[in-house]
Amino acid sequence: MRNNLITTNNTTETIVSMEVAMMIDRGHKELLRDSRRYSNQIKKINETSGKSKIALSDFFQESTYISEQNKVLPCFNITRKGCEFIANKLTGQKGTEFTARYVNRFHELEEGNITTTLLSSLNAL
């Protein structure tokens, strides 16, 4: 199931918000609420700040998934930067645990991409 929770958008790897919610031991609904709040705050900063814009897609990418009941439901694809953002909001052991889990998860993604690239190269020979 874990591989179904990973998406790659161009060169940006993301983890689906359901997996992040499991990693931080929170309900997906609460993580969606927080992610929307962070997104809205970034949008507001971009509207009011005279500084260079913060690219929301560098952190959170709105998406949907199909539930077991065949309903289309909202989720976020969360980038490595987004995971770092969330980890900075967590404190204590929970923050430490999430940081270790998402770092390991992104390393798994990178190792998988390297393996896929190498296999593709070998097959091309």
PDB file of N, CA and C in Angstrom:
ATOM      1  N   MET A   1       0.819  -1.198   0.000  1.00  0.00           N
ATOM      2  CA  MET A   1       0.000   0.000   0.000  1.00  0.00           C
ATOM      3  C   MET A   1       0.860   1.258   0.000  1.00  0.00           C
ATOM      4  N   ARG A   2       2.001   1.209   0.636  1.00  0.00           N
ATOM      5  CA  ARG A   2       2.853   2.378   0.762  1.00  0.00           C
ATOM      6  C   ARG A   2       3.185   2.986  -0.597  1.00  0.00           C
ATOM      7  N   ASN A   3       3.521   2.149  -1.594  1.00  0.00           N
ATOM      8  CA  ASN A   3       3.876   2.677  -2.907  1.00  0.00           C
ATOM      9  C   ASN A   3       2.726   3.411  -3.563  1.00  0.00           C
ATOM     10  N   ASN A   4       1.481   3.092  -3.210  1.00  0.00           N
ATOM     11  CA  ASN A   4       0.326   3.783  -3.766  1.00  0.00           C
ATOM     12  C   ASN A   4       0.193   5.192  -3.210  1.00  0.00           C
ATOM     13  N   LEU A   5       0.908   5.492  -2.155  1.00  0.00           N
ATOM     14  CA  LEU A   5       0.778   6.791  -1.513  1.00  0.00           C
ATOM     15  C   LEU A   5       1.845   7.773  -1.965  1.00  0.00           C
ATOM     16  N   ILE A   6       2.598   7.410  -2.988  1.00  0.00           N
ATOM     17  CA  ILE A   6       3.686   8.253  -3.467  1.00  0.00           C
ATOM     18  C   ILE A   6       3.351   8.753  -4.858  1.00  0.00           C
ATOM     19  N   THR A   7       3.603  10.015  -5.086  1.00  0.00           N
ATOM     20  CA  THR A   7       3.438  10.530  -6.434  1.00  0.00           C
ATOM     21  C   THR A   7       4.697  11.267  -6.835  1.00  0.00           C
ATOM     22  N   THR A   8       4.930  11.324  -8.103  1.00  0.00           N
ATOM     23  CA  THR A   8       6.034  12.118  -8.615  1.00  0.00           C
ATOM     24  C   THR A   8       5.462  13.072  -9.637  1.00  0.00           C
ATOM     25  N   ASN A   9       5.607  14.357  -9.390  1.00  0.00           N
ATOM     26  CA  ASN A   9       5.122  15.387 -10.284  1.00  0.00           C
ATOM     27  C   ASN A   9       6.345  16.043 -10.893  1.00  0.00           C
ATOM     28  N   ASN A  10       6.608  15.726 -12.166  1.00  0.00           N
ATOM     29  CA  ASN A  10       7.842  16.154 -12.823  1.00  0.00           C
ATOM     30  C   ASN A  10       9.008  15.582 -12.030  1.00  0.00           C
ATOM     31  N   THR A  11       9.799  16.416 -11.407  1.00  0.00           N
ATOM     32  CA  THR A  11      10.929  15.915 -10.625  1.00  0.00           C
ATOM     33  C   THR A  11      10.684  16.065  -9.124  1.00  0.00           C
ATOM     34  N   THR A  12       9.518  16.521  -8.730  1.00  0.00           N
ATOM     35  CA  THR A  12       9.217  16.731  -7.323  1.00  0.00           C
ATOM     36  C   THR A  12       8.532  15.508  -6.746  1.00  0.00           C
ATOM     37  N   GLU A  13       9.176  14.885  -5.785  1.00  0.00           N
ATOM     38  CA  GLU A  13       8.581  13.741  -5.119  1.00  0.00           C
ATOM     39  C   GLU A  13       7.741  14.242  -3.958  1.00  0.00           C
ATOM     40  N   THR A  14       6.615  13.582  -3.749  1.00  0.00           N
ATOM     41  CA  THR A  14       5.716  13.965  -2.667  1.00  0.00           C
ATOM     42  C   THR A  14       5.229  12.731  -1.940  1.00  0.00           C
ATOM     43  N   ILE A  15       4.750  12.968  -0.741  1.00  0.00           N
ATOM     44  CA  ILE A  15       4.074  11.940   0.042  1.00  0.00           C
ATOM     45  C   ILE A  15       2.638  12.414   0.205  1.00  0.00           C
ATOM     46  N   VAL A  16       1.698  11.527   0.013  1.00  0.00           N
ATOM     47  CA  VAL A  16       0.289  11.882   0.138  1.00  0.00           C
ATOM     48  C   VAL A  16      -0.042  12.147   1.609  1.00  0.00           C
ATOM     49  N   SER A  17      -0.907  13.111   1.841  1.00  0.00           N
ATOM     50  CA  SER A  17      -1.214  13.565   3.192  1.00  0.00           C
ATOM     51  C   SER A  17      -1.729  12.450   4.106  1.00  0.00           C
ATOM     52  N   MET A  18      -2.353  11.403   3.554  1.00  0.00           N
ATOM     53  CA  MET A  18      -2.809  10.291   4.407  1.00  0.00           C
ATOM     54  C   MET A  18      -1.615   9.617   5.080  1.00  0.00           C
ATOM     55  N   GLU A  19      -0.524   9.440   4.338  1.00  0.00           N
ATOM     56  CA  GLU A  19       0.660   8.812   4.921  1.00  0.00           C
ATOM     57  C   GLU A  19       1.299   9.736   5.956  1.00  0.00           C
ATOM     58  N   VAL A  20       1.360  11.033   5.656  1.00  0.00           N
ATOM     59  CA  VAL A  20       1.919  11.986   6.617  1.00  0.00           C
ATOM     60  C   VAL A  20       1.085  11.981   7.898  1.00  0.00           C
ATOM     61  N   ALA A  21      -0.238  11.935   7.766  1.00  0.00           N
ATOM     62  CA  ALA A  21      -1.111  11.895   8.947  1.00  0.00           C
ATOM     63  C   ALA A  21      -0.800  10.670   9.807  1.00  0.00           C
ATOM     64  N   MET A  22      -0.565   9.530   9.156  1.00  0.00           N
ATOM     65  CA  MET A  22      -0.203   8.321   9.911  1.00  0.00           C
ATOM     66  C   MET A  22       1.136   8.498  10.606  1.00  0.00           C
ATOM     67  N   MET A  23       2.090   9.133   9.918  1.00  0.00           N
ATOM     68  CA  MET A  23       3.421   9.333  10.502  1.00  0.00           C
ATOM     69  C   MET A  23       3.374  10.198  11.753  1.00  0.00           C
ATOM     70  N   ILE A  24       2.484  11.190  11.765  1.00  0.00           N
ATOM     71  CA  ILE A  24       2.434  12.105  12.915  1.00  0.00           C
ATOM     72  C   ILE A  24       1.329  11.725  13.895  1.00  0.00           C
ATOM     73  N   ASP A  25       0.686  10.584  13.623  1.00  0.00           N
ATOM     74  CA  ASP A  25      -0.354  10.057  14.514  1.00  0.00           C
ATOM     75  C   ASP A  25      -1.489  11.067  14.732  1.00  0.00           C
ATOM     76  N   ARG A  26      -1.956  11.618  13.591  1.00  0.00           N
ATOM     77  CA  ARG A  26      -3.084  12.550  13.623  1.00  0.00           C
ATOM     78  C   ARG A  26      -4.095  12.091  12.605  1.00  0.00           C
ATOM     79  N   GLY A  27      -5.304  12.552  12.767  1.00  0.00           N
ATOM     80  CA  GLY A  27      -6.322  12.252  11.788  1.00  0.00           C
ATOM     81  C   GLY A  27      -6.057  13.004  10.495  1.00  0.00           C
ATOM     82  N   HIS A  28      -6.420  12.388   9.377  1.00  0.00           N
ATOM     83  CA  HIS A  28      -6.211  13.039   8.082  1.00  0.00           C
ATOM     84  C   HIS A  28      -6.997  14.343   8.019  1.00  0.00           C
ATOM     85  N   LYS A  29      -8.170  14.364   8.593  1.00  0.00           N
ATOM     86  CA  LYS A  29      -9.007  15.565   8.591  1.00  0.00           C
ATOM     87  C   LYS A  29      -8.277  16.739   9.260  1.00  0.00           C
ATOM     88  N   GLU A  30      -7.605  16.463  10.368  1.00  0.00           N
ATOM     89  CA  GLU A  30      -6.875  17.524  11.071  1.00  0.00           C
ATOM     90  C   GLU A  30      -5.676  18.004  10.255  1.00  0.00           C
ATOM     91  N   LEU A  31      -4.974  17.070   9.618  1.00  0.00           N
ATOM     92  CA  LEU A  31      -3.836  17.460   8.787  1.00  0.00           C
ATOM     93  C   LEU A  31      -4.303  18.288   7.593  1.00  0.00           C
ATOM     94  N   LEU A  32      -5.442  17.912   6.989  1.00  0.00           N
ATOM     95  CA  LEU A  32      -5.999  18.714   5.889  1.00  0.00           C
ATOM     96  C   LEU A  32      -6.305  20.131   6.363  1.00  0.00           C
ATOM     97  N   ARG A  33      -6.920  20.239   7.529  1.00  0.00           N
ATOM     98  CA  ARG A  33      -7.249  21.554   8.090  1.00  0.00           C
ATOM     99  C   ARG A  33      -5.989  22.389   8.266  1.00  0.00           C
ATOM    100  N   ASP A  34      -4.952  21.789   8.862  1.00  0.00           N
ATOM    101  CA  ASP A  34      -3.698  22.514   9.086  1.00  0.00           C
ATOM    102  C   ASP A  34      -3.031  22.881   7.760  1.00  0.00           C
ATOM    103  N   SER A  35      -3.017  21.947   6.810  1.00  0.00           N
ATOM    104  CA  SER A  35      -2.393  22.207   5.508  1.00  0.00           C
ATOM    105  C   SER A  35      -3.116  23.329   4.775  1.00  0.00           C
ATOM    106  N   ARG A  36      -4.432  23.362   4.865  1.00  0.00           N
ATOM    107  CA  ARG A  36      -5.197  24.455   4.247  1.00  0.00           C
ATOM    108  C   ARG A  36      -4.870  25.786   4.921  1.00  0.00           C
ATOM    109  N   ARG A  37      -4.745  25.755   6.239  1.00  0.00           N
ATOM    110  CA  ARG A  37      -4.408  26.979   6.982  1.00  0.00           C
ATOM    111  C   ARG A  37      -3.023  27.481   6.555  1.00  0.00           C
ATOM    112  N   TYR A  38      -2.037  26.574   6.488  1.00  0.00           N
ATOM    113  CA  TYR A  38      -0.699  26.974   6.053  1.00  0.00           C
ATOM    114  C   TYR A  38      -0.753  27.527   4.631  1.00  0.00           C
ATOM    115  N   SER A  39      -1.491  26.858   3.758  1.00  0.00           N
ATOM    116  CA  SER A  39      -1.605  27.297   2.358  1.00  0.00           C
ATOM    117  C   SER A  39      -2.232  28.680   2.275  1.00  0.00           C
ATOM    118  N   ASN A  40      -3.301  28.893   3.025  1.00  0.00           N
ATOM    119  CA  ASN A  40      -3.962  30.200   3.025  1.00  0.00           C
ATOM    120  C   ASN A  40      -3.039  31.296   3.561  1.00  0.00           C
ATOM    121  N   GLN A  41      -2.257  30.964   4.571  1.00  0.00           N
ATOM    122  CA  GLN A  41      -1.318  31.941   5.120  1.00  0.00           C
ATOM    123  C   GLN A  41      -0.245  32.290   4.097  1.00  0.00           C
ATOM    124  N   ILE A  42       0.259  31.291   3.374  1.00  0.00           N
ATOM    125  CA  ILE A  42       1.266  31.550   2.340  1.00  0.00           C
ATOM    126  C   ILE A  42       0.664  32.406   1.228  1.00  0.00           C
ATOM    127  N   LYS A  43      -0.575  32.103   0.836  1.00  0.00           N
ATOM    128  CA  LYS A  43      -1.248  32.904  -0.201  1.00  0.00           C
ATOM    129  C   LYS A  43      -1.394  34.351   0.256  1.00  0.00           C
ATOM    130  N   LYS A  44      -1.763  34.537   1.525  1.00  0.00           N
ATOM    131  CA  LYS A  44      -1.932  35.894   2.059  1.00  0.00           C
ATOM    132  C   LYS A  44      -0.595  36.640   2.093  1.00  0.00           C
ATOM    133  N   ILE A  45       0.452  35.941   2.474  1.00  0.00           N
ATOM    134  CA  ILE A  45       1.789  36.548   2.476  1.00  0.00           C
ATOM    135  C   ILE A  45       2.146  36.997   1.066  1.00  0.00           C
ATOM    136  N   ASN A  46       1.869  36.141   0.087  1.00  0.00           N
ATOM    137  CA  ASN A  46       2.178  36.483  -1.310  1.00  0.00           C
ATOM    138  C   ASN A  46       1.383  37.690  -1.797  1.00  0.00           C
ATOM    139  N   GLU A  47       0.146  37.835  -1.317  1.00  0.00           N
ATOM    140  CA  GLU A  47      -0.698  38.961  -1.734  1.00  0.00           C
ATOM    141  C   GLU A  47      -0.253  40.275  -1.112  1.00  0.00           C
ATOM    142  N   THR A  48       0.232  40.228   0.120  1.00  0.00           N
ATOM    143  CA  THR A  48       0.511  41.456   0.855  1.00  0.00           C
ATOM    144  C   THR A  48       1.993  41.825   0.931  1.00  0.00           C
ATOM    145  N   SER A  49       2.854  40.876   0.656  1.00  0.00           N
ATOM    146  CA  SER A  49       4.289  41.126   0.790  1.00  0.00           C
ATOM    147  C   SER A  49       4.849  41.716  -0.489  1.00  0.00           C
ATOM    148  N   GLY A  50       5.753  42.658  -0.323  1.00  0.00           N
ATOM    149  CA  GLY A  50       6.439  43.219  -1.472  1.00  0.00           C
ATOM    150  C   GLY A  50       7.660  42.389  -1.855  1.00  0.00           C
ATOM    151  N   LYS A  51       7.921  41.347  -1.070  1.00  0.00           N
ATOM    152  CA  LYS A  51       9.079  40.491  -1.313  1.00  0.00           C
ATOM    153  C   LYS A  51       8.746  39.456  -2.381  1.00  0.00           C
ATOM    154  N   SER A  52       9.748  38.693  -2.767  1.00  0.00           N
ATOM    155  CA  SER A  52       9.513  37.647  -3.773  1.00  0.00           C
ATOM    156  C   SER A  52       8.503  36.639  -3.237  1.00  0.00           C
ATOM    157  N   LYS A  53       7.761  36.074  -4.145  1.00  0.00           N
ATOM    158  CA  LYS A  53       6.677  35.164  -3.795  1.00  0.00           C
ATOM    159  C   LYS A  53       7.208  33.841  -3.259  1.00  0.00           C
ATOM    160  N   ILE A  54       6.431  33.241  -2.368  1.00  0.00           N
ATOM    161  CA  ILE A  54       6.710  31.905  -1.856  1.00  0.00           C
ATOM    162  C   ILE A  54       5.869  30.942  -2.685  1.00  0.00           C
ATOM    163  N   ALA A  55       6.512  30.005  -3.337  1.00  0.00           N
ATOM    164  CA  ALA A  55       5.791  29.063  -4.195  1.00  0.00           C
ATOM    165  C   ALA A  55       5.092  28.011  -3.331  1.00  0.00           C
ATOM    166  N   LEU A  56       3.788  28.087  -3.266  1.00  0.00           N
ATOM    167  CA  LEU A  56       2.998  27.166  -2.463  1.00  0.00           C
ATOM    168  C   LEU A  56       3.241  25.717  -2.878  1.00  0.00           C
ATOM    169  N   SER A  57       3.403  25.490  -4.183  1.00  0.00           N
ATOM    170  CA  SER A  57       3.598  24.121  -4.677  1.00  0.00           C
ATOM    171  C   SER A  57       4.945  23.531  -4.235  1.00  0.00           C
ATOM    172  N   ASP A  58       5.838  24.358  -3.733  1.00  0.00           N
ATOM    173  CA  ASP A  58       7.088  23.838  -3.174  1.00  0.00           C
ATOM    174  C   ASP A  58       6.840  23.083  -1.874  1.00  0.00           C
ATOM    175  N   PHE A  59       5.665  23.300  -1.265  1.00  0.00           N
ATOM    176  CA  PHE A  59       5.339  22.711   0.025  1.00  0.00           C
ATOM    177  C   PHE A  59       4.126  21.772  -0.055  1.00  0.00           C
ATOM    178  N   PHE A  60       3.009  22.326  -0.533  1.00  0.00           N
ATOM    179  CA  PHE A  60       1.735  21.600  -0.537  1.00  0.00           C
ATOM    180  C   PHE A  60       1.096  21.697  -1.917  1.00  0.00           C
ATOM    181  N   GLN A  61       0.624  20.553  -2.416  1.00  0.00           N
ATOM    182  CA  GLN A  61      -0.047  20.517  -3.711  1.00  0.00           C
ATOM    183  C   GLN A  61      -1.419  19.875  -3.504  1.00  0.00           C
ATOM    184  N   GLU A  62      -2.461  20.668  -3.728  1.00  0.00           N
ATOM    185  CA  GLU A  62      -3.812  20.134  -3.541  1.00  0.00           C
ATOM    186  C   GLU A  62      -4.076  19.026  -4.544  1.00  0.00           C
ATOM    187  N   SER A  63      -4.759  17.993  -4.076  1.00  0.00           N
ATOM    188  CA  SER A  63      -5.055  16.850  -4.930  1.00  0.00           C
ATOM    189  C   SER A  63      -6.328  16.171  -4.419  1.00  0.00           C
ATOM    190  N   THR A  64      -6.662  15.053  -5.022  1.00  0.00           N
ATOM    191  CA  THR A  64      -7.802  14.239  -4.591  1.00  0.00           C
ATOM    192  C   THR A  64      -7.421  12.767  -4.695  1.00  0.00           C
ATOM    193  N   TYR A  65      -8.210  11.952  -4.035  1.00  0.00           N
ATOM    194  CA  TYR A  65      -8.053  10.506  -4.138  1.00  0.00           C
ATOM    195  C   TYR A  65      -9.449   9.884  -4.115  1.00  0.00           C
ATOM    196  N   ILE A  66      -9.539   8.631  -4.517  1.00  0.00           N
ATOM    197  CA  ILE A  66     -10.823   7.931  -4.508  1.00  0.00           C
ATOM    198  C   ILE A  66     -10.841   7.004  -3.306  1.00  0.00           C
ATOM    199  N   SER A  67     -11.842   7.190  -2.444  1.00  0.00           N
ATOM    200  CA  SER A  67     -11.951   6.412  -1.216  1.00  0.00           C
ATOM    201  C   SER A  67     -12.446   4.998  -1.511  1.00  0.00           C
ATOM    202  N   GLU A  68     -12.443   4.169  -0.484  1.00  0.00           N
ATOM    203  CA  GLU A  68     -12.959   2.805  -0.608  1.00  0.00           C
ATOM    204  C   GLU A  68     -14.442   2.808  -0.973  1.00  0.00           C
ATOM    205  N   GLN A  69     -15.149   3.891  -0.644  1.00  0.00           N
ATOM    206  CA  GLN A  69     -16.567   4.031  -0.980  1.00  0.00           C
ATOM    207  C   GLN A  69     -16.751   4.646  -2.364  1.00  0.00           C
ATOM    208  N   ASN A  70     -15.653   4.751  -3.103  1.00  0.00           N
ATOM    209  CA  ASN A  70     -15.669   5.291  -4.467  1.00  0.00           C
ATOM    210  C   ASN A  70     -16.031   6.779  -4.511  1.00  0.00           C
ATOM    211  N   LYS A  71     -15.688   7.514  -3.460  1.00  0.00           N
ATOM    212  CA  LYS A  71     -15.923   8.955  -3.415  1.00  0.00           C
ATOM    213  C   LYS A  71     -14.610   9.685  -3.680  1.00  0.00           C
ATOM    214  N   VAL A  72     -14.704  10.807  -4.374  1.00  0.00           N
ATOM    215  CA  VAL A  72     -13.528  11.645  -4.596  1.00  0.00           C
ATOM    216  C   VAL A  72     -13.383  12.560  -3.380  1.00  0.00           C
ATOM    217  N   LEU A  73     -12.246  12.444  -2.702  1.00  0.00           N
ATOM    218  CA  LEU A  73     -12.001  13.205  -1.482  1.00  0.00           C
ATOM    219  C   LEU A  73     -10.716  14.019  -1.611  1.00  0.00           C
ATOM    220  N   PRO A  74     -10.625  15.110  -0.854  1.00  0.00           N
ATOM    221  CA  PRO A  74      -9.429  15.961  -0.948  1.00  0.00           C
ATOM    222  C   PRO A  74      -8.241  15.368  -0.196  1.00  0.00           C
ATOM    223  N   CYS A  75      -7.068  15.694  -0.687  1.00  0.00           N
ATOM    224  CA  CYS A  75      -5.826  15.372   0.005  1.00  0.00           C
ATOM    225  C   CYS A  75      -4.774  16.371  -0.464  1.00  0.00           C
ATOM    226  N   PHE A  76      -3.614  16.281   0.082  1.00  0.00           N
ATOM    227  CA  PHE A  76      -2.481  17.084  -0.367  1.00  0.00           C
ATOM    228  C   PHE A  76      -1.344  16.156  -0.720  1.00  0.00           C
ATOM    229  N   ASN A  77      -0.612  16.506  -1.762  1.00  0.00           N
ATOM    230  CA  ASN A  77       0.687  15.902  -2.022  1.00  0.00           C
ATOM    231  C   ASN A  77       1.675  16.817  -1.326  1.00  0.00           C
ATOM    232  N   ILE A  78       2.437  16.251  -0.403  1.00  0.00           N
ATOM    233  CA  ILE A  78       3.317  17.056   0.432  1.00  0.00           C
ATOM    234  C   ILE A  78       4.765  16.779   0.041  1.00  0.00           C
ATOM    235  N   THR A  79       5.480  17.837  -0.305  1.00  0.00           N
ATOM    236  CA  THR A  79       6.874  17.722  -0.725  1.00  0.00           C
ATOM    237  C   THR A  79       7.786  17.564   0.487  1.00  0.00           C
ATOM    238  N   ARG A  80       9.058  17.353   0.213  1.00  0.00           N
ATOM    239  CA  ARG A  80      10.041  17.292   1.302  1.00  0.00           C
ATOM    240  C   ARG A  80      10.023  18.604   2.089  1.00  0.00           C
ATOM    241  N   LYS A  81       9.969  19.742   1.380  1.00  0.00           N
ATOM    242  CA  LYS A  81       9.895  21.035   2.066  1.00  0.00           C
ATOM    243  C   LYS A  81       8.623  21.131   2.912  1.00  0.00           C
ATOM    244  N   GLY A  82       7.527  20.603   2.406  1.00  0.00           N
ATOM    245  CA  GLY A  82       6.283  20.599   3.167  1.00  0.00           C
ATOM    246  C   GLY A  82       6.408  19.777   4.433  1.00  0.00           C
ATOM    247  N   CYS A  83       7.074  18.626   4.336  1.00  0.00           N
ATOM    248  CA  CYS A  83       7.306  17.800   5.520  1.00  0.00           C
ATOM    249  C   CYS A  83       8.185  18.536   6.523  1.00  0.00           C
ATOM    250  N   GLU A  84       9.199  19.238   6.024  1.00  0.00           N
ATOM    251  CA  GLU A  84      10.041  20.035   6.915  1.00  0.00           C
ATOM    252  C   GLU A  84       9.215  21.119   7.595  1.00  0.00           C
ATOM    253  N   PHE A  85       8.310  21.733   6.835  1.00  0.00           N
ATOM    254  CA  PHE A  85       7.421  22.764   7.357  1.00  0.00           C
ATOM    255  C   PHE A  85       6.584  22.191   8.504  1.00  0.00           C
ATOM    256  N   ILE A  86       5.969  21.037   8.254  1.00  0.00           N
ATOM    257  CA  ILE A  86       5.136  20.391   9.280  1.00  0.00           C
ATOM    258  C   ILE A  86       5.984  19.999  10.482  1.00  0.00           C
ATOM    259  N   ALA A  87       7.172  19.443  10.232  1.00  0.00           N
ATOM    260  CA  ALA A  87       8.041  19.017  11.335  1.00  0.00           C
ATOM    261  C   ALA A  87       8.421  20.191  12.226  1.00  0.00           C
ATOM    262  N   ASN A  88       8.597  21.370  11.625  1.00  0.00           N
ATOM    263  CA  ASN A  88       8.942  22.546  12.420  1.00  0.00           C
ATOM    264  C   ASN A  88       7.802  22.997  13.318  1.00  0.00           C
ATOM    265  N   LYS A  89       6.591  22.555  13.018  1.00  0.00           N
ATOM    266  CA  LYS A  89       5.439  22.898  13.846  1.00  0.00           C
ATOM    267  C   LYS A  89       5.270  21.920  15.010  1.00  0.00           C
ATOM    268  N   LEU A  90       5.897  20.756  14.908  1.00  0.00           N
ATOM    269  CA  LEU A  90       5.798  19.740  15.951  1.00  0.00           C
ATOM    270  C   LEU A  90       6.940  19.903  16.938  1.00  0.00           C
ATOM    271  N   THR A  91       6.703  19.519  18.183  1.00  0.00           N
ATOM    272  CA  THR A  91       7.743  19.645  19.196  1.00  0.00           C
ATOM    273  C   THR A  91       7.971  18.305  19.885  1.00  0.00           C
ATOM    274  N   GLY A  92       9.053  18.242  20.602  1.00  0.00           N
ATOM    275  CA  GLY A  92       9.348  17.082  21.427  1.00  0.00           C
ATOM    276  C   GLY A  92       9.534  15.803  20.635  1.00  0.00           C
ATOM    277  N   GLN A  93       9.179  14.707  21.276  1.00  0.00           N
ATOM    278  CA  GLN A  93       9.378  13.389  20.693  1.00  0.00           C
ATOM    279  C   GLN A  93       8.584  13.218  19.404  1.00  0.00           C
ATOM    280  N   LYS A  94       7.376  13.776  19.358  1.00  0.00           N
ATOM    281  CA  LYS A  94       6.547  13.660  18.156  1.00  0.00           C
ATOM    282  C   LYS A  94       7.231  14.310  16.955  1.00  0.00           C
ATOM    283  N   GLY A  95       7.824  15.477  17.154  1.00  0.00           N
ATOM    284  CA  GLY A  95       8.538  16.156  16.086  1.00  0.00           C
ATOM    285  C   GLY A  95       9.774  15.390  15.650  1.00  0.00           C
ATOM    286  N   THR A  96      10.496  14.850  16.612  1.00  0.00           N
ATOM    287  CA  THR A  96      11.684  14.064  16.310  1.00  0.00           C
ATOM    288  C   THR A  96      11.325  12.813  15.530  1.00  0.00           C
ATOM    289  N   GLU A  97      10.277  12.129  15.964  1.00  0.00           N
ATOM    290  CA  GLU A  97       9.854  10.896  15.286  1.00  0.00           C
ATOM    291  C   GLU A  97       9.418  11.180  13.852  1.00  0.00           C
ATOM    292  N   PHE A  98       8.605  12.229  13.657  1.00  0.00           N
ATOM    293  CA  PHE A  98       8.156  12.548  12.303  1.00  0.00           C
ATOM    294  C   PHE A  98       9.331  12.918  11.411  1.00  0.00           C
ATOM    295  N   THR A  99      10.256  13.720  11.927  1.00  0.00           N
ATOM    296  CA  THR A  99      11.418  14.113  11.134  1.00  0.00           C
ATOM    297  C   THR A  99      12.186  12.873  10.674  1.00  0.00           C
ATOM    298  N   ALA A 100      12.433  11.948  11.575  1.00  0.00           N
ATOM    299  CA  ALA A 100      13.158  10.728  11.212  1.00  0.00           C
ATOM    300  C   ALA A 100      12.378   9.915  10.183  1.00  0.00           C
ATOM    301  N   ARG A 101      11.053   9.804  10.356  1.00  0.00           N
ATOM    302  CA  ARG A 101      10.240   9.017   9.424  1.00  0.00           C
ATOM    303  C   ARG A 101      10.197   9.642   8.024  1.00  0.00           C
ATOM    304  N   TYR A 102       9.974  10.966   7.933  1.00  0.00           N
ATOM    305  CA  TYR A 102       9.878  11.544   6.590  1.00  0.00           C
ATOM    306  C   TYR A 102      11.239  11.575   5.901  1.00  0.00           C
ATOM    307  N   VAL A 103      12.320  11.785   6.662  1.00  0.00           N
ATOM    308  CA  VAL A 103      13.651  11.756   6.055  1.00  0.00           C
ATOM    309  C   VAL A 103      13.916  10.362   5.481  1.00  0.00           C
ATOM    310  N   ASN A 104      13.620   9.329   6.267  1.00  0.00           N
ATOM    311  CA  ASN A 104      13.793   7.962   5.762  1.00  0.00           C
ATOM    312  C   ASN A 104      12.921   7.699   4.544  1.00  0.00           C
ATOM    313  N   ARG A 105      11.704   8.206   4.556  1.00  0.00           N
ATOM    314  CA  ARG A 105      10.767   7.969   3.451  1.00  0.00           C
ATOM    315  C   ARG A 105      11.272   8.609   2.161  1.00  0.00           C
ATOM    316  N   PHE A 106      11.750   9.831   2.236  1.00  0.00           N
ATOM    317  CA  PHE A 106      12.267  10.485   1.035  1.00  0.00           C
ATOM    318  C   PHE A 106      13.551   9.819   0.553  1.00  0.00           C
ATOM    319  N   HIS A 107      14.355   9.292   1.473  1.00  0.00           N
ATOM    320  CA  HIS A 107      15.535   8.542   1.050  1.00  0.00           C
ATOM    321  C   HIS A 107      15.112   7.269   0.313  1.00  0.00           C
ATOM    322  N   GLU A 108      14.063   6.603   0.788  1.00  0.00           N
ATOM    323  CA  GLU A 108      13.536   5.437   0.080  1.00  0.00           C
ATOM    324  C   GLU A 108      13.102   5.811  -1.330  1.00  0.00           C
ATOM    325  N   LEU A 109      12.422   6.946  -1.462  1.00  0.00           N
ATOM    326  CA  LEU A 109      11.988   7.411  -2.779  1.00  0.00           C
ATOM    327  C   LEU A 109      13.184   7.645  -3.694  1.00  0.00           C
ATOM    328  N   GLU A 110      14.208   8.322  -3.161  1.00  0.00           N
ATOM    329  CA  GLU A 110      15.396   8.613  -3.960  1.00  0.00           C
ATOM    330  C   GLU A 110      16.114   7.335  -4.371  1.00  0.00           C
ATOM    331  N   GLU A 111      16.243   6.396  -3.433  1.00  0.00           N
ATOM    332  CA  GLU A 111      16.908   5.126  -3.754  1.00  0.00           C
ATOM    333  C   GLU A 111      16.118   4.366  -4.803  1.00  0.00           C
ATOM    334  N   GLY A 112      14.792   4.413  -4.713  1.00  0.00           N
ATOM    335  CA  GLY A 112      13.948   3.760  -5.714  1.00  0.00           C
ATOM    336  C   GLY A 112      14.120   4.385  -7.081  1.00  0.00           C
ATOM    337  N   ASN A 113      14.239   5.708  -7.137  1.00  0.00           N
ATOM    338  CA  ASN A 113      14.440   6.401  -8.412  1.00  0.00           C
ATOM    339  C   ASN A 113      15.802   6.072  -9.008  1.00  0.00           C
ATOM    340  N   ILE A 114      16.808   5.981  -8.162  1.00  0.00           N
ATOM    341  CA  ILE A 114      18.149   5.638  -8.651  1.00  0.00           C
ATOM    342  C   ILE A 114      18.133   4.232  -9.231  1.00  0.00           C
ATOM    343  N   THR A 115      17.498   3.294  -8.538  1.00  0.00           N
ATOM    344  CA  THR A 115      17.399   1.921  -9.022  1.00  0.00           C
ATOM    345  C   THR A 115      16.651   1.860 -10.343  1.00  0.00           C
ATOM    346  N   THR A 116      15.531   2.582 -10.429  1.00  0.00           N
ATOM    347  CA  THR A 116      14.753   2.608 -11.671  1.00  0.00           C
ATOM    348  C   THR A 116      15.560   3.191 -12.812  1.00  0.00           C
ATOM    349  N   THR A 117      16.281   4.264 -12.540  1.00  0.00           N
ATOM    350  CA  THR A 117      17.114   4.901 -13.574  1.00  0.00           C
ATOM    351  C   THR A 117      18.212   3.953 -14.043  1.00  0.00           C
ATOM    352  N   LEU A 118      18.867   3.276 -13.097  1.00  0.00           N
ATOM    353  CA  LEU A 118      19.925   2.345 -13.459  1.00  0.00           C
ATOM    354  C   LEU A 118      19.384   1.185 -14.283  1.00  0.00           C
ATOM    355  N   LEU A 119      18.237   0.633 -13.868  1.00  0.00           N
ATOM    356  CA  LEU A 119      17.635  -0.458 -14.622  1.00  0.00           C
ATOM    357  C   LEU A 119      17.238  -0.017 -16.017  1.00  0.00           C
ATOM    358  N   SER A 120      16.692   1.184 -16.140  1.00  0.00           N
ATOM    359  CA  SER A 120      16.320   1.704 -17.448  1.00  0.00           C
ATOM    360  C   SER A 120      17.554   1.864 -18.334  1.00  0.00           C
ATOM    361  N   SER A 121      18.640   2.343 -17.758  1.00  0.00           N
ATOM    362  CA  SER A 121      19.886   2.516 -18.507  1.00  0.00           C
ATOM    363  C   SER A 121      20.431   1.184 -18.982  1.00  0.00           C
ATOM    364  N   LEU A 122      20.391   0.179 -18.096  1.00  0.00           N
ATOM    365  CA  LEU A 122      20.892  -1.138 -18.464  1.00  0.00           C
ATOM    366  C   LEU A 122      20.025  -1.776 -19.550  1.00  0.00           C
ATOM    367  N   ASN A 123      18.720  -1.592 -19.462  1.00  0.00           N
ATOM    368  CA  ASN A 123      17.814  -2.137 -20.469  1.00  0.00           C
ATOM    369  C   ASN A 123      18.015  -1.481 -21.825  1.00  0.00           C
ATOM    370  N   ALA A 124      18.470  -0.238 -21.832  1.00  0.00           N
ATOM    371  CA  ALA A 124      18.683   0.486 -23.085  1.00  0.00           C
ATOM    372  C   ALA A 124      19.932   0.008 -23.818  1.00  0.00           C
ATOM    373  N   LEU A 125      20.839  -0.658 -23.079  1.00  0.00           N
ATOM    374  CA  LEU A 125      22.092  -1.128 -23.693  1.00  0.00           C
ATOM    375  C   LEU A 125      21.887  -2.274 -24.605  1.00  0.00           C
TER     376      LEU A 125
END
